[in-house]
């Protein structure tokens, strides 16, 4: 009998070897259950939990997953009328809430450190005929990376992720069956540090317990954590990760974000990766993406140049970046407005774009300038020369965030674009502004032909439908803070 893995084209010697190791690890790690996980459109992991014996069978035959999991907005409402005639005509294979099949990578097995006897594997989605589901966001990044490889480059990414951790004072509001609602209430919380003392050792000591949980969780999951820092805002922290290849970095972000929320909740803390928690006097959280390219033919850093370009000055991109790096920078600028909805995908996140807030407001780049959208770090002779994109919020789906960089940067290289001089006034009121709302950002994405082509028109239609639902409900909410508490604070 043909197993489903063969129908999907997954069966090969490497997978067979990984499956043997998977079976050994089930016993070695004393795993009684395994979570088969998949990252949804909004960067949240969804799981089917199987017994160890069933997990072995599922590695060959897959796990059924209701197809509406792909069709939801951030409130978990299905945005397509799946039970109406032609309700999913634009998305063949999604009618009537039928099953998709989740196939897991046996090499991704990890033991979850915050619970006993539970394993975790990362899966990808297929239709029942074995064809891949191309709305799966991890596949979209893989496709973008394949384009990049055809151009002769690999991508390296480093993550700086700001987020907030609170102590749970009262969990009962969201667990009271008499108060259940859709979306549900958030817990009552207090801060782990009072803020407004950046990198304060006293605040680091005050927050040591939850930060230690974050550290242990990340390291036990095999993630390349470098540091944990006290950020400026009340109860705000930052995690910094070592640079890796782009797909590994994206996978790490998914695992980190969902893992630390669960581990901290077990210990009585609430972590949120929403940009602006619904409290007064907070600071917005950003997700700063450091990116560079590797020349696959030589293995050399592709953004590094040996010496500044002849005749260039410090404000010229080619003073610090290679020709390819300068063109990549220009591509990111050219598509900054279009990629905003992919890098800052929540209605809450756009309030971050304000003057003098260590966040961008306009489509500008600068040399080591934290007020600019794109920050060029390093210079001639420095192999660590890179571009930091400060557009993202920590709630972003990492696969979409990274893929957007690739499609934009490759367009800059293909067209030989040249960036303007570096800004020395990142909050210049006359500069081109980033979108001011999720709705504006979706308009900009729809108008960006390069990004629509890169991701595919069908995906952009699908993404836009889910995010328009969120933007519409946000604009119609009678109480915006209550909306944000339920939609984002309690869930992201």
Protein backbone atom coordinates (compact mmCIF):
# COMPACT_ATOMS: atom_id res chain seq x y z
CA UNK A 1 0.00 0.00 0.00
CA UNK A 2 1.31 3.45 -0.93
CA UNK A 3 1.74 5.60 2.15
CA UNK A 4 0.64 9.22 2.03
CA UNK A 5 4.23 10.46 2.45
CA UNK A 6 5.06 8.87 -0.93
CA UNK A 7 2.05 10.53 -2.54
CA UNK A 8 3.39 13.88 -1.27
CA UNK A 9 6.84 13.18 -2.71
CA UNK A 10 8.44 13.20 0.74
CA UNK A 11 9.83 9.67 0.79
CA UNK A 12 13.61 9.50 0.37
CA UNK A 13 16.67 8.02 2.10
CA UNK A 14 17.18 11.12 4.24
CA UNK A 15 13.62 11.05 5.56
CA UNK A 16 13.80 7.30 6.18
CA UNK A 17 16.92 7.84 8.30
CA UNK A 18 15.24 10.71 10.18
CA UNK A 19 12.22 8.47 10.83
CA UNK A 20 14.44 5.80 12.39
CA UNK A 21 16.00 8.43 14.62
CA UNK A 22 12.52 9.78 15.45
CA UNK A 23 11.42 6.37 16.67
CA UNK A 24 14.56 6.03 18.80
CA UNK A 25 14.04 9.48 20.33
CA UNK A 26 10.48 8.69 21.33
CA UNK A 27 11.92 6.08 23.67
CA UNK A 28 15.09 7.97 24.67
CA UNK A 29 13.16 11.12 25.62
CA UNK A 30 10.35 9.11 27.21
CA UNK A 31 7.71 10.83 25.11
CA UNK A 32 4.15 9.64 25.57
CA UNK A 33 2.53 12.29 23.35
CA UNK A 34 3.68 14.33 20.36
CA UNK A 35 2.26 17.64 19.19
CA UNK A 36 2.08 17.95 15.40
CA UNK A 37 2.37 21.70 14.92
CA UNK A 38 1.69 24.06 12.06
CA UNK A 39 2.15 27.85 11.91
CA UNK A 40 -0.99 29.68 10.80
CA UNK A 41 -1.33 32.90 8.80
CA UNK A 42 -0.91 34.97 11.96
CA UNK A 43 2.21 33.20 13.22
CA UNK A 44 0.36 31.17 15.87
CA UNK A 45 1.08 27.45 16.15
CA UNK A 46 -1.87 25.06 15.93
CA UNK A 47 -1.39 21.46 17.01
CA UNK A 48 -2.83 17.99 16.89
CA UNK A 49 -1.59 15.95 19.86
CA UNK A 50 -1.06 12.23 19.21
CA UNK A 51 0.06 9.33 21.34
CA UNK A 52 3.57 8.10 20.60
CA UNK A 53 2.27 5.06 18.69
CA UNK A 54 -0.10 7.20 16.64
CA UNK A 55 2.70 9.69 15.98
CA UNK A 56 4.75 6.97 14.30
CA UNK A 57 1.86 6.10 11.98
CA UNK A 58 1.18 9.78 11.28
CA UNK A 59 4.72 10.23 10.02
CA UNK A 60 3.72 7.97 7.12
CA UNK A 61 0.01 8.68 6.71
CA UNK A 62 -0.33 12.29 7.92
CA UNK A 63 -2.78 13.91 10.32
CA UNK A 64 -6.14 15.35 9.25
CA UNK A 65 -6.59 19.07 9.94
CA UNK A 66 -9.79 20.98 9.27
CA UNK A 67 -9.21 23.28 6.30
CA UNK A 68 -10.87 26.28 7.95
CA UNK A 69 -7.72 26.63 10.09
CA UNK A 70 -6.27 28.53 7.12
CA UNK A 71 -9.31 30.73 6.64
CA UNK A 72 -9.43 32.62 9.93
CA UNK A 73 -8.72 36.17 10.99
CA UNK A 74 -7.03 37.09 14.28
CA UNK A 75 -10.25 36.49 16.24
CA UNK A 76 -10.48 32.91 14.89
CA UNK A 77 -13.51 33.76 12.78
CA UNK A 78 -13.64 32.01 9.41
CA UNK A 79 -13.66 34.70 6.73
CA UNK A 80 -14.95 32.53 3.86
CA UNK A 81 -18.53 31.15 3.69
CA UNK A 82 -17.38 27.54 3.42
CA UNK A 83 -20.90 26.05 3.51
CA UNK A 84 -22.34 28.24 0.77
CA UNK A 85 -22.36 27.29 -2.89
CA UNK A 86 -19.16 28.67 -4.45
CA UNK A 87 -18.22 30.17 -1.07
CA UNK A 88 -14.62 29.07 -1.56
CA UNK A 89 -14.57 29.15 -5.37
CA UNK A 90 -11.36 31.23 -5.21
CA UNK A 91 -9.73 28.55 -3.06
CA UNK A 92 -10.25 25.09 -4.61
CA UNK A 93 -9.99 22.34 -2.03
CA UNK A 94 -11.32 24.37 0.90
CA UNK A 95 -15.08 23.86 0.58
CA UNK A 96 -17.30 22.48 3.34
CA UNK A 97 -14.55 22.55 6.03
CA UNK A 98 -13.04 19.35 4.71
CA UNK A 99 -9.71 17.92 5.79
CA UNK A 100 -6.22 18.88 4.79
CA UNK A 101 -3.33 16.62 5.74
CA UNK A 102 -0.49 17.65 8.02
CA UNK A 103 2.84 15.92 7.30
CA UNK A 104 5.55 16.43 9.91
CA UNK A 105 9.31 16.63 9.56
CA UNK A 106 10.73 13.88 11.81
CA UNK A 107 14.02 15.75 12.14
CA UNK A 108 12.21 18.66 13.85
CA UNK A 109 11.37 16.63 16.98
CA UNK A 110 11.92 18.44 20.26
CA UNK A 111 10.96 17.66 23.82
CA UNK A 112 8.95 20.53 25.27
CA UNK A 113 10.84 21.68 28.37
CA UNK A 114 7.90 23.11 30.31
CA UNK A 115 5.92 19.88 30.51
CA UNK A 116 6.60 16.16 30.96
CA UNK A 117 6.69 13.61 28.20
CA UNK A 118 5.46 15.82 25.37
CA UNK A 119 7.27 16.08 22.05
CA UNK A 120 6.80 18.61 19.25
CA UNK A 121 7.28 18.36 15.49
CA UNK A 122 6.80 20.93 12.73
CA UNK A 123 4.43 20.05 9.91
CA UNK A 124 3.45 21.24 6.45
CA UNK A 125 0.07 21.00 4.77
CA UNK A 126 -1.04 18.95 1.77
CA UNK A 127 -4.34 18.34 0.03
CA UNK A 128 -5.66 14.80 0.22
CA UNK A 129 -4.36 14.08 -3.28
CA UNK A 130 -0.81 14.79 -2.08
CA UNK A 131 -0.49 18.24 -3.65
CA UNK A 132 1.07 20.94 -1.43
CA UNK A 133 -1.13 23.70 0.01
CA UNK A 134 0.48 26.80 -1.41
CA UNK A 135 -1.18 29.12 1.13
CA UNK A 136 1.13 27.62 3.78
CA UNK A 137 3.35 30.58 4.71
CA UNK A 138 6.49 28.50 5.36
CA UNK A 139 6.27 27.27 1.75
CA UNK A 140 6.09 30.86 0.56
CA UNK A 141 9.39 31.62 2.28
CA UNK A 142 10.91 28.47 0.80
CA UNK A 143 9.80 29.62 -2.66
CA UNK A 144 11.32 33.07 -2.08
CA UNK A 145 14.58 31.49 -0.90
CA UNK A 146 14.63 29.34 -4.04
CA UNK A 147 14.36 32.53 -6.12
CA UNK A 148 17.21 34.01 -4.12
CA UNK A 149 19.33 30.91 -4.69
CA UNK A 150 18.72 31.10 -8.43
CA UNK A 151 20.12 34.65 -8.26
CA UNK A 152 23.24 33.26 -6.58
CA UNK A 153 22.61 34.25 -2.98
CA UNK A 154 21.72 32.84 0.40
CA UNK A 155 20.21 34.92 3.20
CA UNK A 156 21.41 35.34 6.78
CA UNK A 157 19.13 36.81 9.44
CA UNK A 158 19.56 37.93 13.03
CA UNK A 159 16.58 38.66 15.29
CA UNK A 160 16.04 41.37 17.89
CA UNK A 161 12.59 40.85 19.38
CA UNK A 162 10.95 43.17 21.90
CA UNK A 163 7.97 41.93 23.89
CA UNK A 164 6.21 42.37 27.23
CA UNK A 165 5.98 40.02 30.21
CA UNK A 166 3.43 40.50 32.99
CA UNK A 167 2.70 38.65 36.20
CA UNK A 168 -0.76 37.06 36.23
CA UNK A 169 -2.69 38.34 39.23
CA UNK A 170 -6.04 36.80 38.41
CA UNK A 171 -6.67 34.19 35.73
CA UNK A 172 -10.33 33.76 36.65
CA UNK A 173 -11.84 36.41 34.31
CA UNK A 174 -10.95 34.52 31.15
CA UNK A 175 -11.70 31.11 32.69
CA UNK A 176 -15.12 32.02 34.14
CA UNK A 177 -17.71 30.14 32.00
CA UNK A 178 -20.30 32.82 32.76
CA UNK A 179 -18.06 35.42 31.06
CA UNK A 180 -16.98 33.39 28.05
CA UNK A 181 -17.03 35.37 24.80
CA UNK A 182 -15.44 35.44 21.37
CA UNK A 183 -12.62 36.47 21.63
CA UNK A 184 -12.29 35.87 25.35
CA UNK A 185 -11.12 38.10 28.16
CA UNK A 186 -7.48 38.56 29.11
CA UNK A 187 -6.13 37.81 32.60
CA UNK A 188 -5.63 40.57 35.18
CA UNK A 189 -1.91 41.32 35.33
CA UNK A 190 0.79 43.41 37.00
CA UNK A 191 4.22 44.42 35.70
CA UNK A 192 7.51 42.60 36.25
CA UNK A 193 9.45 45.89 36.25
CA UNK A 194 8.37 49.55 36.28
CA UNK A 195 10.27 50.60 33.17
CA UNK A 196 11.91 53.80 31.97
CA UNK A 197 15.38 52.69 33.05
CA UNK A 198 16.86 51.12 29.91
CA UNK A 199 19.16 48.16 30.62
CA UNK A 200 18.78 48.77 34.36
CA UNK A 201 20.54 46.07 36.38
CA UNK A 202 18.06 46.62 39.22
CA UNK A 203 15.14 45.94 36.87
CA UNK A 204 16.98 42.93 35.43
CA UNK A 205 17.26 41.51 38.93
CA UNK A 206 13.61 42.29 39.64
CA UNK A 207 12.59 40.43 36.47
CA UNK A 208 15.13 37.63 36.88
CA UNK A 209 12.61 34.83 37.46
CA UNK A 210 10.59 35.22 34.23
CA UNK A 211 13.73 36.01 32.22
CA UNK A 212 15.31 32.81 33.52
CA UNK A 213 12.26 30.90 32.30
CA UNK A 214 12.65 32.49 28.87
CA UNK A 215 16.35 31.58 28.83
CA UNK A 216 15.82 27.97 29.86
CA UNK A 217 12.95 27.53 27.40
CA UNK A 218 14.85 28.94 24.44
CA UNK A 219 18.01 26.99 25.13
CA UNK A 220 16.17 23.73 25.84
CA UNK A 221 14.46 24.10 22.46
CA UNK A 222 17.86 24.51 20.79
CA UNK A 223 17.34 28.15 19.81
CA UNK A 224 20.41 30.41 19.31
CA UNK A 225 19.60 32.91 22.08
CA UNK A 226 22.38 35.46 22.74
CA UNK A 227 20.94 37.85 25.32
CA UNK A 228 17.92 38.98 27.31
CA UNK A 229 17.69 42.68 28.05
CA UNK A 230 15.54 45.15 29.94
CA UNK A 231 13.88 47.44 27.42
CA UNK A 232 12.71 51.01 28.01
CA UNK A 233 9.00 50.44 28.52
CA UNK A 234 7.29 49.14 31.66
CA UNK A 235 7.43 45.32 31.73
CA UNK A 236 9.17 45.32 28.34
CA UNK A 237 12.13 43.05 27.49
CA UNK A 238 14.14 42.12 24.43
CA UNK A 239 15.59 38.83 23.18
CA UNK A 240 18.51 38.83 20.74
CA UNK A 241 19.42 35.79 18.65
CA UNK A 242 22.56 34.76 16.82
CA UNK A 243 22.39 35.14 13.05
CA UNK A 244 21.49 31.98 11.10
CA UNK A 245 20.20 31.14 7.66
CA UNK A 246 16.80 32.71 6.97
CA UNK A 247 14.62 29.57 7.20
CA UNK A 248 16.21 28.53 10.51
CA UNK A 249 15.73 32.06 11.86
CA UNK A 250 12.06 32.10 10.87
CA UNK A 251 11.48 28.66 12.39
CA UNK A 252 13.23 29.82 15.56
CA UNK A 253 10.96 32.83 15.87
CA UNK A 254 7.83 30.70 15.57
CA UNK A 255 9.08 28.24 18.18
CA UNK A 256 10.37 30.94 20.54
CA UNK A 257 7.26 33.08 20.50
CA UNK A 258 4.80 30.26 21.04
CA UNK A 259 7.06 28.35 23.44
CA UNK A 260 7.86 31.15 25.88
CA UNK A 261 4.19 32.12 26.13
CA UNK A 262 3.34 28.60 27.24
CA UNK A 263 6.30 28.19 29.59
CA UNK A 264 5.69 31.55 31.26
CA UNK A 265 1.98 30.88 31.62
CA UNK A 266 2.77 27.65 33.49
CA UNK A 267 4.79 29.73 35.95
CA UNK A 268 2.13 32.42 36.43
CA UNK A 269 3.29 34.97 33.85
CA UNK A 270 1.68 36.35 30.72
CA UNK A 271 3.88 37.17 27.73
CA UNK A 272 2.50 39.17 24.84
CA UNK A 273 4.04 39.87 21.46
CA UNK A 274 1.44 42.48 20.51
CA UNK A 275 3.04 45.77 19.58
CA UNK A 276 1.32 48.09 22.07
CA UNK A 277 -0.31 46.42 25.11
CA UNK A 278 -3.59 48.11 26.10
CA UNK A 279 -2.26 50.12 29.04
CA UNK A 280 -1.27 53.78 29.49
CA UNK A 281 2.37 54.89 29.31
CA UNK A 282 3.71 51.78 27.61
CA UNK A 283 6.36 51.64 24.90
CA UNK A 284 5.73 49.93 21.57
CA UNK A 285 7.58 46.72 20.80
CA UNK A 286 9.36 46.25 17.50
CA UNK A 287 10.95 43.29 15.76
CA UNK A 288 14.18 44.41 14.12
CA UNK A 289 15.33 42.12 11.34
CA UNK A 290 19.06 42.11 10.58
CA UNK A 291 19.69 40.76 7.12
CA UNK A 292 22.59 40.13 4.80
CA UNK A 293 23.35 37.95 1.80
CA UNK A 294 25.96 35.31 1.14
CA UNK A 295 27.46 34.85 -2.34
CA UNK A 296 26.88 31.15 -2.94
CA UNK A 297 29.68 30.83 -5.48
CA UNK A 298 32.38 32.16 -3.15
CA UNK A 299 30.85 31.90 0.30
CA UNK A 300 31.72 35.54 0.96
CA UNK A 301 29.39 38.08 2.57
CA UNK A 302 27.66 39.72 -0.37
CA UNK A 303 27.02 43.07 1.35
CA UNK A 304 30.68 43.62 2.23
CA UNK A 305 32.91 45.77 0.06
CA UNK A 306 36.68 46.00 0.35
CA UNK A 307 36.81 49.80 0.19
CA UNK A 308 34.30 52.65 -0.22
CA UNK A 309 33.21 53.23 -3.80
CA UNK A 310 35.37 55.87 -5.52
CA UNK A 311 34.00 59.35 -4.99
CA UNK A 312 31.45 58.21 -2.39
CA UNK A 313 30.81 59.94 0.91
CA UNK A 314 29.50 58.66 4.24
CA UNK A 315 25.89 59.29 3.22
CA UNK A 316 26.22 57.21 0.04
CA UNK A 317 25.07 53.59 0.32
CA UNK A 318 28.06 52.35 -1.72
CA UNK A 319 30.41 53.87 0.85
CA UNK A 320 29.42 51.05 3.21
CA UNK A 321 27.60 48.45 1.09
CA UNK A 322 28.60 46.46 -1.97
CA UNK A 323 26.82 47.26 -5.23
CA UNK A 324 24.48 44.31 -4.58
CA UNK A 325 23.89 45.50 -1.03
CA UNK A 326 23.08 49.04 -2.17
CA UNK A 327 20.62 47.72 -4.76
CA UNK A 328 19.02 45.45 -2.14
CA UNK A 329 18.66 48.47 0.15
CA UNK A 330 17.02 50.42 -2.67
CA UNK A 331 14.60 47.55 -3.28
CA UNK A 332 13.58 47.50 0.38
CA UNK A 333 12.92 51.24 0.17
CA UNK A 334 10.97 50.94 -3.08
CA UNK A 335 8.62 48.35 -1.58
CA UNK A 336 8.54 49.52 2.05
CA UNK A 337 4.96 50.72 1.91
CA UNK A 338 3.81 47.57 0.13
CA UNK A 339 5.48 45.24 2.60
CA UNK A 340 4.16 47.08 5.68
CA UNK A 341 1.10 44.84 6.04
CA UNK A 342 3.32 41.75 5.93
CA UNK A 343 5.77 43.10 8.52
CA UNK A 344 3.25 44.90 10.75
CA UNK A 345 0.10 42.82 10.23
CA UNK A 346 -2.10 43.95 13.14
CA UNK A 347 -4.26 47.03 13.46
CA UNK A 348 -2.57 47.71 16.79
CA UNK A 349 0.94 47.85 15.32
CA UNK A 350 0.58 51.03 13.28
CA UNK A 351 0.44 53.25 16.37
CA UNK A 352 4.15 52.51 16.75
CA UNK A 353 5.09 54.66 13.76
CA UNK A 354 5.51 57.99 15.51
CA UNK A 355 8.33 60.56 15.79
CA UNK A 356 11.23 60.14 18.21
CA UNK A 357 10.01 56.74 19.41
CA UNK A 358 12.94 54.59 18.19
CA UNK A 359 10.58 53.46 15.45
CA UNK A 360 10.36 54.49 11.80
CA UNK A 361 7.81 56.88 10.43
CA UNK A 362 9.03 57.42 6.88
CA UNK A 363 10.63 55.53 3.99
CA UNK A 364 14.25 56.46 4.74
CA UNK A 365 17.55 54.77 5.44
CA UNK A 366 20.41 55.87 7.64
CA UNK A 367 23.92 54.92 8.76
CA UNK A 368 23.56 53.42 12.24
CA UNK A 369 20.41 55.53 12.67
CA UNK A 370 17.74 53.98 14.89
CA UNK A 371 15.11 56.49 13.79
CA UNK A 372 15.30 55.40 10.16
CA UNK A 373 13.31 52.57 8.61
CA UNK A 374 16.47 50.86 7.36
CA UNK A 375 19.68 51.05 9.39
CA UNK A 376 22.95 50.17 7.67
CA UNK A 377 25.45 48.73 10.14
CA UNK A 378 29.13 48.16 9.38
CA UNK A 379 31.14 49.36 6.44
CA UNK A 380 33.95 48.61 4.03
CA UNK A 381 36.11 45.73 5.20
CA UNK A 382 33.57 44.50 7.77
CA UNK A 383 32.17 41.03 6.95
CA UNK A 384 29.29 41.66 9.40
CA UNK A 385 27.96 44.58 7.33
CA UNK A 386 24.20 44.29 7.20
CA UNK A 387 20.86 46.06 6.89
CA UNK A 388 18.49 46.25 9.83
CA UNK A 389 14.84 46.62 8.87
CA UNK A 390 12.94 48.26 11.74
CA UNK A 391 9.51 48.00 10.11
CA UNK A 392 8.32 44.82 11.79
CA UNK A 393 6.26 44.21 14.90
CA UNK A 394 6.84 41.09 17.06
CA UNK A 395 3.43 39.65 16.13
CA UNK A 396 4.40 39.30 12.45
CA UNK A 397 4.39 35.93 10.73
CA UNK A 398 8.16 35.45 10.24
CA UNK A 399 7.81 33.55 6.96
CA UNK A 400 5.94 36.45 5.39
CA UNK A 401 8.23 39.07 6.94
CA UNK A 402 11.34 37.39 5.53
CA UNK A 403 9.83 36.58 2.13
CA UNK A 404 8.84 40.23 1.69
CA UNK A 405 12.50 41.25 2.12
CA UNK A 406 13.58 38.80 -0.54
CA UNK A 407 11.05 39.85 -3.17
CA UNK A 408 11.75 43.53 -2.55
CA UNK A 409 15.53 43.16 -2.40
CA UNK A 410 15.73 40.99 -5.51
CA UNK A 411 13.73 43.59 -7.41
CA UNK A 412 16.29 46.19 -6.40
CA UNK A 413 19.12 43.99 -7.67
CA UNK A 414 17.31 43.01 -10.89
CA UNK A 415 16.57 46.63 -11.78
CA UNK A 416 19.89 48.01 -10.53
CA UNK A 417 18.14 50.47 -8.25
CA UNK A 418 20.19 53.09 -6.40
CA UNK A 419 19.10 54.39 -2.98
CA UNK A 420 19.03 58.09 -2.15
CA UNK A 421 21.55 59.53 0.31
CA UNK A 422 21.24 58.46 3.94
CA UNK A 423 18.96 60.60 6.07
CA UNK A 424 20.18 62.75 8.92
CA UNK A 425 16.59 63.69 9.82
CA UNK A 426 14.56 60.45 10.09
CA UNK A 427 11.44 62.28 11.23
CA UNK A 428 11.49 64.90 8.50
CA UNK A 429 7.82 65.80 7.98
CA UNK A 430 8.38 66.09 4.24
CA UNK A 431 9.53 62.49 3.72
CA UNK A 432 7.33 59.75 2.25
CA UNK A 433 5.38 58.22 5.12
CA UNK A 434 4.73 54.61 5.96
CA UNK A 435 1.05 53.58 5.94
CA UNK A 436 -0.87 54.98 8.89
CA UNK A 437 -3.23 52.02 9.39
CA UNK A 438 -3.69 48.38 8.51
CA UNK A 439 -6.26 49.34 5.87
CA UNK A 440 -3.82 51.79 4.27
CA UNK A 441 -1.10 49.14 4.35
CA UNK A 442 -3.34 46.62 2.60
CA UNK A 443 -4.05 49.20 -0.11
CA UNK A 444 -0.30 49.70 -0.55
CA UNK A 445 0.30 45.94 -0.74
CA UNK A 446 -2.42 45.53 -3.35
CA UNK A 447 -0.83 48.31 -5.43
CA UNK A 448 2.68 46.79 -5.29
CA UNK A 449 2.90 44.66 -8.44
CA UNK A 450 6.28 43.20 -7.49
CA UNK A 451 5.06 41.86 -4.14
CA UNK A 452 1.79 40.61 -5.65
CA UNK A 453 3.74 38.71 -8.28
CA UNK A 454 6.30 37.44 -5.75
CA UNK A 455 3.73 36.03 -3.33
CA UNK A 456 1.19 35.20 -6.02
CA UNK A 457 -2.11 36.97 -6.62
CA UNK A 458 -4.08 34.11 -5.02
CA UNK A 459 -2.16 34.42 -1.77
CA UNK A 460 -2.48 38.21 -1.68
CA UNK A 461 -6.25 37.89 -2.21
CA UNK A 462 -6.42 35.39 0.64
CA UNK A 463 -4.18 37.41 2.98
CA UNK A 464 -6.06 40.61 2.25
CA UNK A 465 -9.44 39.01 2.95
CA UNK A 466 -8.34 37.84 6.40
CA UNK A 467 -6.71 41.14 7.30
CA UNK A 468 -9.57 43.28 5.94
CA UNK A 469 -11.87 41.45 8.33
CA UNK A 470 -9.61 42.41 11.22
CA UNK A 471 -9.24 46.02 10.05
CA UNK A 472 -12.99 46.39 9.59
CA UNK A 473 -13.82 45.04 13.05
CA UNK A 474 -11.12 47.25 14.57
CA UNK A 475 -12.56 50.39 12.93
CA UNK A 476 -16.09 49.48 14.03
CA UNK A 477 -15.23 48.63 17.65
CA UNK A 478 -17.06 50.70 20.24
CA UNK A 479 -14.18 50.22 22.68
CA UNK A 480 -10.78 49.96 20.98
CA UNK A 481 -8.95 49.04 24.19
CA UNK A 482 -11.38 46.22 24.88
CA UNK A 483 -10.94 45.01 21.29
CA UNK A 484 -7.15 45.01 21.70
CA UNK A 485 -7.28 43.23 25.06
CA UNK A 486 -9.36 40.42 23.62
CA UNK A 487 -7.99 40.21 20.06
CA UNK A 488 -4.29 40.70 20.73
CA UNK A 489 -3.30 40.88 24.40
CA UNK A 490 -4.97 37.64 25.40
CA UNK A 491 -3.97 35.70 22.28
CA UNK A 492 -0.71 36.93 20.70
